[in-house]
Amino acid sequence: MRRLTIALAAAALLPGCTLAPAYTRPAPPVPQVWPAPAATPVGPAAADLPWRSVIVEPKLQALVTLALRENRDLRVAVADVSEARALYRMQRSELVPPVDAVGEATRSRTPSSVVGNNQTGDYKRYDANIGISAYELDLFGRVQSLTAAARQSFFAVEENRRTIQITLVAEVGSAYATLAADQDRLQMIRDTLQSRDAAAGLTQKRFDAGASSQLDLRQAQTLLEQARSDVATASAQVAQDRNALQLLVGLPIPDDLWPNGGVDGLHILADLPPGLPSEVLLRRPDVLAAEHTLKARNADIGAARAAFFPRITLTGDIGTASSQLDGLFKAGTRAWSFTPQITLPIFGVLANAANLSAANARRDAAVARYEKAVQVAFREVADALAIRATIQDRVDAQTRLVAQSADVQRLTQARYDRGVDGYLALLDAQRSAYAAQQNLVSARLAEILNRVELYRALGGGGQPDTAP
């Protein structure tokens, strides 16, 4: 019995080889340098910068903290990670023999007509055993390959959670900035409405006095109604922005955390070093998730190859058996059994071959998805860098345009008051100044959104929520 127990333990611990092909990371199908012409700052990589050191606006920091705790999409991602971890542990448990302790009592009665001799057959048996049931000797690495695939799938799900966290940080920052910009735009439109209301009233008086034409009056009234319509549209947009931000955060936002306009004053780090493409692409969680998935599909090939070889399973137990419960553990009641089984695939070869072909195809598809993830990551960073190279010029030019448009409107107003220019020239000047102001708000918003997007594209925001 001692030799049998040792043999079972040695068989259970016998390591097997793996038939999975050696993994090699595919070469990234992207250039080795960023196409942005501007010089890049020197400093720690964006992926190493906690979001609190990049998004330094106090209100926005508080909202991001709430979102990381309350956002439902992130909660689902965390639950998915827990599920993937449990599935991996379940698969890993197949590497260890399933040892169970079993107690069993059996009682039966056979009629006298069957037993004979006019006696009823009563039968009692009590068993207490410790054993293993259908444990597979992983000689060809099938279970090891399946375990490796489950482990890589778990890693991929964890990287997907980090991707959702990074996206959430960026979306909260973008929604906050968008709301602040739309509040600035709404205030600007309300100021324009007041000035146009006053202008329309003045034109009405001039028309009543015979100093202006009816055309001038109708044009002034048209501008007034357009401003009223713009106020209504902008008010609805601000309400929608508030709803979007609250959905991202995941709970009602306290009154003191709402922005009050001032998109130009948002404190978000401007200079983020992009580093080399190879460094960024190896650290972005979506790229890492694609690579873990590729590794899992690579391990599946090993399991598919192992299906061509025999499968050996062991079932055995050792314990005691007695017809009396009180004699179950007495001398002479020891019992044991050992049932090895070998399964040879004969008519399933075609199915196994098809399964191997499918596993290879899934691996090839995973390679393509990994390369596509690398290309998408490269484009996102390159696009953000291209905008960063020119966005400040756009903001500066738009700022000068607002000042110049205001001067044109002031001078045209003076010429109209003196009767030098007609009202149509004044209307054109007012429209140009109005559009320039709106475009300036849009340019400032684009600058803030570019900072947030560059931080996200570089893989920042996935670190734990800790203070810098």
Protein backbone atom coordinates (compact mmCIF):
# COMPACT_ATOMS: atom_id res chain seq x y z
CA MET A 1 0.00 0.00 0.00
CA ARG A 2 2.89 2.35 0.74
CA ARG A 3 4.35 1.70 -2.70
CA LEU A 4 0.93 2.30 -4.29
CA THR A 5 0.56 5.63 -2.50
CA ILE A 6 4.05 6.72 -3.55
CA ALA A 7 3.31 5.73 -7.15
CA LEU A 8 0.10 7.78 -7.16
CA ALA A 9 1.86 10.82 -5.74
CA ALA A 10 4.73 10.54 -8.22
CA ALA A 11 2.31 10.23 -11.13
CA ALA A 12 0.34 13.23 -9.92
CA LEU A 13 3.46 15.37 -9.74
CA LEU A 14 4.93 14.15 -13.02
CA PRO A 15 5.59 17.24 -15.13
CA GLY A 16 4.61 17.27 -18.76
CA CYS A 17 5.95 19.11 -21.75
CA THR A 18 3.99 21.75 -23.61
CA LEU A 19 3.34 21.69 -27.34
CA ALA A 20 2.52 25.37 -27.64
CA PRO A 21 4.71 27.20 -30.18
CA ALA A 22 7.34 29.56 -28.79
CA TYR A 23 5.91 33.05 -28.50
CA THR A 24 7.57 35.94 -30.33
CA ARG A 25 6.16 39.45 -30.16
CA PRO A 26 5.29 40.67 -33.66
CA ALA A 27 7.32 43.61 -34.90
CA PRO A 28 5.28 46.84 -34.54
CA PRO A 29 4.09 47.91 -38.01
CA VAL A 30 4.64 51.62 -37.32
CA PRO A 31 7.53 54.10 -37.72
CA GLN A 32 10.10 54.36 -34.97
CA VAL A 33 9.68 58.13 -34.54
CA TRP A 34 6.67 60.39 -34.20
CA PRO A 35 5.83 62.51 -37.25
CA ALA A 36 5.23 65.67 -35.16
CA PRO A 37 7.75 68.34 -36.21
CA ALA A 38 7.77 70.20 -32.88
CA ALA A 39 10.45 69.59 -30.28
CA THR A 40 9.32 67.36 -27.45
CA PRO A 41 9.92 68.15 -23.76
CA VAL A 42 12.15 66.02 -21.58
CA GLY A 43 10.80 64.41 -18.44
CA PRO A 44 9.12 61.31 -17.04
CA ALA A 45 6.90 59.34 -19.38
CA ALA A 46 3.23 60.22 -19.35
CA ALA A 47 2.38 56.66 -18.32
CA ASP A 48 4.40 57.24 -15.13
CA LEU A 49 2.65 60.50 -14.26
CA PRO A 50 -0.31 60.06 -11.89
CA TRP A 51 -3.37 61.83 -13.16
CA ARG A 52 -3.34 64.15 -10.14
CA SER A 53 -0.02 65.56 -11.31
CA VAL A 54 -1.44 66.27 -14.78
CA ILE A 55 -5.02 67.32 -13.96
CA VAL A 56 -4.32 69.83 -11.22
CA GLU A 57 -7.69 71.64 -11.24
CA PRO A 58 -9.05 71.04 -7.70
CA LYS A 59 -12.70 70.65 -8.71
CA LEU A 60 -11.81 68.37 -11.58
CA GLN A 61 -9.61 66.26 -9.31
CA ALA A 62 -12.53 65.77 -6.95
CA LEU A 63 -14.81 64.76 -9.83
CA VAL A 64 -12.29 62.26 -11.21
CA THR A 65 -11.94 60.73 -7.74
CA LEU A 66 -15.72 60.34 -7.51
CA ALA A 67 -15.88 58.85 -11.00
CA LEU A 68 -13.19 56.27 -10.25
CA ARG A 69 -15.27 55.18 -7.27
CA GLU A 70 -18.80 55.44 -8.65
CA ASN A 71 -18.72 55.02 -12.44
CA ARG A 72 -20.75 51.96 -13.44
CA ASP A 73 -18.66 51.02 -16.47
CA LEU A 74 -15.57 50.84 -14.28
CA ARG A 75 -17.46 48.75 -11.74
CA VAL A 76 -18.40 46.30 -14.49
CA ALA A 77 -14.75 46.15 -15.56
CA VAL A 78 -13.64 45.41 -11.98
CA ALA A 79 -16.23 42.63 -11.76
CA ASP A 80 -14.98 41.22 -15.06
CA VAL A 81 -11.47 41.09 -13.62
CA SER A 82 -12.72 39.18 -10.58
CA GLU A 83 -14.53 36.73 -12.83
CA ALA A 84 -11.47 36.21 -15.04
CA ARG A 85 -9.32 35.64 -11.96
CA ALA A 86 -11.74 33.02 -10.66
CA LEU A 87 -11.86 31.25 -14.04
CA TYR A 88 -8.07 31.14 -14.12
CA ARG A 89 -7.95 29.64 -10.63
CA MET A 90 -10.51 27.03 -11.65
CA GLN A 91 -8.43 26.05 -14.66
CA ARG A 92 -5.19 26.05 -12.63
CA SER A 93 -6.74 23.69 -10.10
CA GLU A 94 -6.73 20.96 -12.75
CA LEU A 95 -2.95 20.78 -12.42
CA VAL A 96 -3.37 19.41 -8.88
CA PRO A 97 -4.95 16.00 -8.19
CA PRO A 98 -8.50 16.37 -6.85
CA VAL A 99 -8.17 14.63 -3.47
CA ASP A 100 -11.53 13.97 -1.78
CA ALA A 101 -12.56 12.30 1.44
CA VAL A 102 -15.73 10.24 1.04
CA GLY A 103 -17.84 8.53 3.66
CA GLU A 104 -20.56 6.16 2.43
CA ALA A 105 -23.17 3.91 4.01
CA THR A 106 -25.07 1.32 1.96
CA ARG A 107 -28.04 -0.75 3.08
CA SER A 108 -30.05 -3.07 0.84
CA ARG A 109 -32.62 -5.85 1.11
CA THR A 110 -33.18 -8.70 -1.32
CA PRO A 111 -36.49 -10.63 -1.26
CA SER A 112 -36.43 -14.25 -0.09
CA SER A 113 -37.80 -15.32 -3.45
CA VAL A 114 -34.54 -14.18 -4.97
CA VAL A 115 -32.16 -15.30 -2.22
CA GLY A 116 -33.81 -18.69 -1.68
CA ASN A 117 -34.09 -20.77 1.47
CA ASN A 118 -36.99 -18.57 2.54
CA GLN A 119 -34.53 -16.04 3.94
CA THR A 120 -34.49 -12.32 3.26
CA GLY A 121 -31.07 -10.97 2.17
CA ASP A 122 -30.04 -7.92 4.25
CA TYR A 123 -26.83 -6.13 3.31
CA LYS A 124 -24.98 -3.36 5.10
CA ARG A 125 -21.66 -1.73 4.18
CA TYR A 126 -19.80 1.29 5.51
CA ASP A 127 -16.88 2.89 3.64
CA ALA A 128 -14.44 5.72 4.45
CA ASN A 129 -12.00 6.55 1.64
CA ILE A 130 -9.52 9.17 0.52
CA GLY A 131 -8.73 9.23 -3.17
CA ILE A 132 -8.46 11.00 -6.47
CA SER A 133 -10.99 10.90 -9.29
CA ALA A 134 -10.21 11.08 -13.01
CA TYR A 135 -6.97 13.04 -12.62
CA GLU A 136 -5.31 13.59 -15.98
CA LEU A 137 -1.58 13.06 -16.27
CA ASP A 138 -0.53 16.11 -18.26
CA LEU A 139 2.22 14.34 -20.19
CA PHE A 140 1.76 16.44 -23.33
CA GLY A 141 0.91 19.77 -21.70
CA ARG A 142 -2.78 20.01 -22.60
CA VAL A 143 -3.80 21.20 -19.13
CA GLN A 144 -0.73 23.43 -18.89
CA SER A 145 -1.63 25.08 -22.20
CA LEU A 146 -5.22 25.63 -21.11
CA THR A 147 -3.98 27.10 -17.82
CA ALA A 148 -1.58 29.42 -19.65
CA ALA A 149 -4.41 30.57 -21.93
CA ALA A 150 -6.65 31.27 -18.92
CA ARG A 151 -3.84 33.21 -17.23
CA GLN A 152 -3.24 35.37 -20.29
CA SER A 153 -6.98 35.97 -20.67
CA PHE A 154 -7.06 37.14 -17.06
CA PHE A 155 -4.18 39.54 -17.76
CA ALA A 156 -6.01 40.85 -20.84
CA VAL A 157 -9.15 41.55 -18.83
CA GLU A 158 -7.09 43.43 -16.24
CA GLU A 159 -5.53 45.56 -18.97
CA ASN A 160 -9.00 46.24 -20.35
CA ARG A 161 -9.96 47.52 -16.91
CA ARG A 162 -6.98 49.88 -16.97
CA THR A 163 -8.03 51.04 -20.44
CA ILE A 164 -11.50 51.86 -19.14
CA GLN A 165 -9.98 53.72 -16.18
CA ILE A 166 -7.72 55.77 -18.45
CA THR A 167 -10.62 56.54 -20.76
CA LEU A 168 -12.79 57.51 -17.81
CA VAL A 169 -10.20 59.98 -16.47
CA ALA A 170 -9.92 61.54 -19.93
CA GLU A 171 -13.68 61.63 -20.50
CA VAL A 172 -14.33 63.33 -17.17
CA GLY A 173 -11.65 65.91 -17.96
CA SER A 174 -13.05 66.49 -21.45
CA ALA A 175 -16.64 66.73 -20.21
CA TYR A 176 -15.64 69.19 -17.49
CA ALA A 177 -13.75 71.38 -19.98
CA THR A 178 -16.59 71.19 -22.51
CA LEU A 179 -19.10 72.29 -19.88
CA ALA A 180 -16.86 75.18 -18.83
CA ALA A 181 -16.45 76.27 -22.47
CA ASP A 182 -20.17 76.09 -23.16
CA GLN A 183 -20.83 78.14 -20.04
CA ASP A 184 -18.39 80.75 -21.35
CA ARG A 185 -20.14 80.64 -24.70
CA LEU A 186 -23.56 80.99 -23.07
CA GLN A 187 -22.42 84.01 -21.06
CA MET A 188 -20.98 85.58 -24.18
CA ILE A 189 -24.23 85.03 -26.07
CA ARG A 190 -26.23 86.54 -23.22
CA ASP A 191 -24.01 89.62 -23.28
CA THR A 192 -24.51 89.80 -27.04
CA LEU A 193 -28.26 89.52 -26.53
CA GLN A 194 -28.23 92.50 -24.17
CA SER A 195 -26.21 94.63 -26.57
CA ARG A 196 -28.40 93.69 -29.52
CA ASP A 197 -31.53 94.39 -27.52
CA ALA A 198 -30.20 97.85 -26.75
CA ALA A 199 -29.21 98.34 -30.42
CA ALA A 200 -32.64 97.25 -31.62
CA GLY A 201 -34.27 99.69 -29.19
CA LEU A 202 -32.07 102.51 -30.41
CA THR A 203 -32.81 101.65 -34.04
CA GLN A 204 -36.54 101.68 -33.25
CA LYS A 205 -36.22 105.19 -31.87
CA ARG A 206 -34.23 106.30 -34.92
CA PHE A 207 -36.88 104.79 -37.18
CA ASP A 208 -39.66 106.53 -35.27
CA ALA A 209 -37.76 109.81 -35.69
CA GLY A 210 -37.25 109.16 -39.40
CA ALA A 211 -33.45 108.81 -39.09
CA SER A 212 -33.37 105.11 -40.01
CA SER A 213 -35.07 103.02 -42.65
CA GLN A 214 -37.41 100.14 -42.04
CA LEU A 215 -34.74 97.87 -43.49
CA ASP A 216 -32.31 98.94 -40.76
CA LEU A 217 -34.97 98.26 -38.14
CA ARG A 218 -35.77 94.78 -39.47
CA GLN A 219 -32.07 93.89 -39.68
CA ALA A 220 -31.53 94.94 -36.07
CA GLN A 221 -34.56 92.93 -34.99
CA THR A 222 -33.28 89.93 -36.96
CA LEU A 223 -29.97 90.02 -35.10
CA LEU A 224 -31.85 90.30 -31.81
CA GLU A 225 -33.99 87.25 -32.49
CA GLN A 226 -30.95 85.30 -33.67
CA ALA A 227 -29.25 86.05 -30.35
CA ARG A 228 -32.35 84.90 -28.45
CA SER A 229 -32.35 81.66 -30.42
CA ASP A 230 -28.63 81.21 -29.72
CA VAL A 231 -29.24 81.71 -25.99
CA ALA A 232 -31.88 78.97 -26.01
CA THR A 233 -29.63 76.61 -27.95
CA ALA A 234 -26.61 77.31 -25.72
CA SER A 235 -28.69 76.86 -22.56
CA ALA A 236 -29.85 73.45 -23.76
CA GLN A 237 -26.26 72.50 -24.60
CA VAL A 238 -25.08 73.46 -21.12
CA ALA A 239 -27.83 71.31 -19.60
CA GLN A 240 -26.79 68.38 -21.79
CA ASP A 241 -23.16 68.86 -20.78
CA ARG A 242 -24.15 68.74 -17.12
CA ASN A 243 -26.08 65.51 -17.70
CA ALA A 244 -23.13 63.95 -19.52
CA LEU A 245 -20.70 64.86 -16.75
CA GLN A 246 -23.02 63.54 -14.06
CA LEU A 247 -23.41 60.24 -15.93
CA LEU A 248 -19.64 59.83 -16.08
CA VAL A 249 -19.23 60.58 -12.38
CA GLY A 250 -21.99 58.13 -11.49
CA LEU A 251 -23.82 60.07 -8.77
CA PRO A 252 -25.28 63.55 -8.22
CA ILE A 253 -22.47 66.09 -8.33
CA PRO A 254 -22.23 68.46 -5.35
CA ASP A 255 -22.99 72.08 -6.18
CA ASP A 256 -19.50 73.26 -5.24
CA LEU A 257 -17.85 70.96 -7.81
CA TRP A 258 -19.61 72.26 -10.92
CA PRO A 259 -17.46 74.50 -13.16
CA ASN A 260 -18.35 78.16 -13.46
CA GLY A 261 -16.94 78.75 -16.91
CA GLY A 262 -13.37 79.91 -17.33
CA VAL A 263 -12.13 77.26 -19.75
CA ASP A 264 -9.01 79.31 -20.36
CA GLY A 265 -8.04 78.99 -16.69
CA LEU A 266 -8.23 75.21 -16.37
CA HIS A 267 -5.01 73.87 -14.87
CA ILE A 268 -3.98 70.88 -16.94
CA LEU A 269 -0.33 70.09 -17.60
CA ALA A 270 0.60 71.24 -21.09
CA ASP A 271 3.99 69.65 -21.80
CA LEU A 272 3.93 65.86 -21.79
CA PRO A 273 6.98 64.03 -23.15
CA PRO A 274 5.79 61.47 -25.72
CA GLY A 275 8.94 59.35 -25.64
CA LEU A 276 9.68 56.83 -28.37
CA PRO A 277 6.86 54.94 -30.10
CA SER A 278 8.19 51.57 -28.93
CA GLU A 279 8.09 52.72 -25.28
CA VAL A 280 4.56 54.09 -25.51
CA LEU A 281 3.12 51.17 -27.47
CA LEU A 282 4.53 48.63 -25.05
CA ARG A 283 2.88 50.34 -22.08
CA ARG A 284 -0.56 51.27 -23.33
CA PRO A 285 -3.04 48.90 -21.68
CA ASP A 286 -5.09 48.32 -24.83
CA VAL A 287 -1.94 47.18 -26.65
CA LEU A 288 -0.96 45.01 -23.68
CA ALA A 289 -4.45 43.50 -23.63
CA ALA A 290 -4.15 42.63 -27.32
CA GLU A 291 -0.78 41.01 -26.69
CA HIS A 292 -2.08 38.95 -23.75
CA THR A 293 -4.94 37.79 -25.95
CA LEU A 294 -2.40 36.81 -28.60
CA LYS A 295 -0.46 34.80 -26.01
CA ALA A 296 -3.66 33.06 -24.94
CA ARG A 297 -4.45 32.06 -28.53
CA ASN A 298 -0.86 30.85 -28.87
CA ALA A 299 -1.33 28.62 -25.82
CA ASP A 300 -4.57 27.26 -27.30
CA ILE A 301 -2.51 25.82 -30.14
CA GLY A 302 -0.58 23.75 -27.58
CA ALA A 303 -3.83 22.34 -26.19
CA ALA A 304 -5.07 21.55 -29.70
CA ARG A 305 -1.82 19.74 -30.54
CA ALA A 306 -1.95 17.72 -27.31
CA ALA A 307 -5.40 16.41 -28.28
CA PHE A 308 -3.69 14.16 -30.88
CA PHE A 309 -1.88 12.20 -28.16
CA PRO A 310 -3.24 9.70 -25.63
CA ARG A 311 -4.86 10.98 -22.46
CA ILE A 312 -4.09 9.09 -19.25
CA THR A 313 -6.36 9.57 -16.25
CA LEU A 314 -5.99 8.09 -12.80
CA THR A 315 -8.70 7.15 -10.34
CA GLY A 316 -7.83 5.58 -7.03
CA ASP A 317 -8.71 5.56 -3.38
CA ILE A 318 -7.62 4.05 -0.11
CA GLY A 319 -9.64 3.62 3.05
CA THR A 320 -11.59 1.13 5.15
CA ALA A 321 -14.76 -0.90 4.64
CA SER A 322 -16.88 -2.80 7.15
CA SER A 323 -20.34 -4.26 7.51
CA GLN A 324 -20.61 -2.63 10.95
CA LEU A 325 -20.20 1.06 11.62
CA ASP A 326 -18.31 0.52 14.88
CA GLY A 327 -15.86 -1.78 13.14
CA LEU A 328 -15.05 0.63 10.30
CA PHE A 329 -11.56 1.51 11.53
CA LYS A 330 -10.59 -1.82 13.10
CA ALA A 331 -7.76 -4.00 11.87
CA GLY A 332 -8.40 -5.95 8.71
CA THR A 333 -10.82 -3.44 7.19
CA ARG A 334 -8.37 -1.67 4.84
CA ALA A 335 -9.54 -1.38 1.25
CA TRP A 336 -8.09 0.24 -1.87
CA SER A 337 -8.63 0.54 -5.57
CA PHE A 338 -6.57 1.88 -8.47
CA THR A 339 -8.05 2.44 -11.94
CA PRO A 340 -5.77 3.99 -14.56
CA GLN A 341 -7.35 4.73 -17.93
CA ILE A 342 -5.83 5.61 -21.28
CA THR A 343 -7.82 7.17 -24.13
CA LEU A 344 -6.48 6.96 -27.68
CA PRO A 345 -8.00 9.23 -30.35
CA ILE A 346 -8.88 7.10 -33.37
CA PHE A 347 -11.92 8.39 -35.20
CA GLY A 348 -11.54 11.86 -33.66
CA VAL A 349 -8.36 12.67 -35.58
CA LEU A 350 -10.24 14.66 -38.22
CA ALA A 351 -12.03 16.68 -35.56
CA ASN A 352 -8.73 17.30 -33.75
CA ALA A 353 -7.12 18.42 -37.00
CA ALA A 354 -9.98 20.85 -37.62
CA ASN A 355 -9.67 22.12 -34.05
CA LEU A 356 -5.93 22.72 -34.56
CA SER A 357 -6.62 24.60 -37.80
CA ALA A 358 -9.17 26.75 -35.97
CA ALA A 359 -6.68 27.43 -33.17
CA ASN A 360 -4.06 28.54 -35.71
CA ALA A 361 -6.61 30.78 -37.41
CA ARG A 362 -7.56 32.37 -34.09
CA ARG A 363 -3.88 32.99 -33.38
CA ASP A 364 -3.44 34.64 -36.79
CA ALA A 365 -6.48 36.83 -36.13
CA ALA A 366 -5.04 37.78 -32.72
CA VAL A 367 -1.79 38.81 -34.43
CA ALA A 368 -3.74 41.07 -36.78
CA ARG A 369 -5.70 42.58 -33.88
CA TYR A 370 -2.49 43.22 -31.96
CA GLU A 371 -0.91 44.95 -34.94
CA LYS A 372 -4.09 46.98 -35.47
CA ALA A 373 -4.02 48.04 -31.79
CA VAL A 374 -0.43 49.20 -32.25
CA GLN A 375 -1.36 51.16 -35.37
CA VAL A 376 -4.37 52.78 -33.70
CA ALA A 377 -2.27 53.75 -30.69
CA PHE A 378 0.40 55.25 -32.94
CA ARG A 379 -2.17 57.27 -34.87
CA GLU A 380 -3.86 58.59 -31.72
CA VAL A 381 -0.58 59.83 -30.30
CA ALA A 382 0.56 61.22 -33.66
CA ASP A 383 -2.74 63.08 -34.12
CA ALA A 384 -2.53 64.57 -30.63
CA LEU A 385 1.06 65.65 -31.22
CA ALA A 386 0.11 67.22 -34.56
CA ILE A 387 -2.58 69.29 -32.86
CA ARG A 388 -0.25 70.26 -30.03
CA ALA A 389 2.29 71.55 -32.54
CA THR A 390 -0.19 74.11 -33.92
CA ILE A 391 -2.88 74.67 -31.32
CA GLN A 392 -1.12 77.54 -29.56
CA ASP A 393 -0.71 79.37 -32.88
CA ARG A 394 -4.44 78.91 -33.45
CA VAL A 395 -5.33 80.31 -30.03
CA ASP A 396 -2.99 83.28 -30.42
CA ALA A 397 -4.30 84.08 -33.90
CA GLN A 398 -7.90 83.80 -32.73
CA THR A 399 -7.16 86.07 -29.77
CA ARG A 400 -5.78 88.73 -32.08
CA LEU A 401 -8.76 88.25 -34.40
CA VAL A 402 -11.18 88.93 -31.53
CA ALA A 403 -9.33 92.15 -30.66
CA GLN A 404 -9.25 93.27 -34.27
CA SER A 405 -12.91 92.39 -34.83
CA ALA A 406 -13.85 94.41 -31.76
CA ASP A 407 -11.93 97.39 -33.17
CA VAL A 408 -13.65 96.99 -36.54
CA GLN A 409 -17.05 96.91 -34.86
CA ARG A 410 -16.22 100.01 -32.78
CA LEU A 411 -14.99 101.96 -35.79
CA THR A 412 -17.90 100.86 -37.97
CA GLN A 413 -20.34 101.87 -35.23
CA ALA A 414 -18.75 105.32 -35.13
CA ARG A 415 -18.92 105.68 -38.94
CA TYR A 416 -22.57 104.58 -38.90
CA ASP A 417 -23.43 107.05 -36.17
CA ARG A 418 -21.90 109.83 -38.34
CA GLY A 419 -23.73 108.60 -41.41
CA VAL A 420 -20.56 107.61 -43.27
CA ASP A 421 -21.41 103.87 -43.53
CA GLY A 422 -24.73 102.15 -43.90
CA TYR A 423 -26.26 99.78 -41.41
CA LEU A 424 -25.27 96.76 -43.51
CA ALA A 425 -21.57 97.43 -42.84
CA LEU A 426 -22.31 97.62 -39.11
CA LEU A 427 -24.19 94.31 -39.25
CA ASP A 428 -21.24 92.63 -40.95
CA ALA A 429 -18.87 93.96 -38.30
CA GLN A 430 -21.12 92.73 -35.50
CA ARG A 431 -21.45 89.28 -37.06
CA SER A 432 -17.67 89.01 -37.51
CA ALA A 433 -16.99 90.01 -33.90
CA TYR A 434 -19.63 87.58 -32.66
CA ALA A 435 -18.18 84.68 -34.67
CA ALA A 436 -14.62 85.54 -33.62
CA GLN A 437 -15.56 85.39 -29.94
CA GLN A 438 -17.21 81.99 -30.36
CA ASN A 439 -14.25 80.65 -32.31
CA LEU A 440 -11.90 81.82 -29.57
CA VAL A 441 -13.83 79.82 -26.99
CA SER A 442 -13.70 76.79 -29.33
CA ALA A 443 -9.93 77.22 -29.81
CA ARG A 444 -9.30 77.39 -26.07
CA LEU A 445 -11.45 74.31 -25.55
CA ALA A 446 -9.54 72.48 -28.29
CA GLU A 447 -6.29 73.29 -26.51
CA ILE A 448 -7.53 71.82 -23.22
CA LEU A 449 -9.00 68.75 -24.93
CA ASN A 450 -5.73 68.19 -26.75
CA ARG A 451 -3.83 68.12 -23.45
CA VAL A 452 -6.26 65.58 -22.02
CA GLU A 453 -6.26 63.47 -25.19
CA LEU A 454 -2.46 63.43 -25.41
CA TYR A 455 -2.26 62.24 -21.80
CA ARG A 456 -4.76 59.46 -22.56
CA ALA A 457 -3.12 58.47 -25.84
CA LEU A 458 0.26 58.17 -24.11
CA GLY A 459 -1.23 55.71 -21.61
CA GLY A 460 -1.51 58.06 -18.65
CA GLY A 461 -4.25 57.83 -16.05
CA GLY A 462 -4.06 54.12 -15.31
CA GLN A 463 -2.08 54.47 -12.11
CA PRO A 464 -3.68 53.99 -8.68
CA ASP A 465 -5.57 56.98 -7.29
CA THR A 466 -2.78 58.35 -5.11
CA ALA A 467 -1.60 61.87 -4.52
CA PRO A 468 1.63 62.87 -6.35
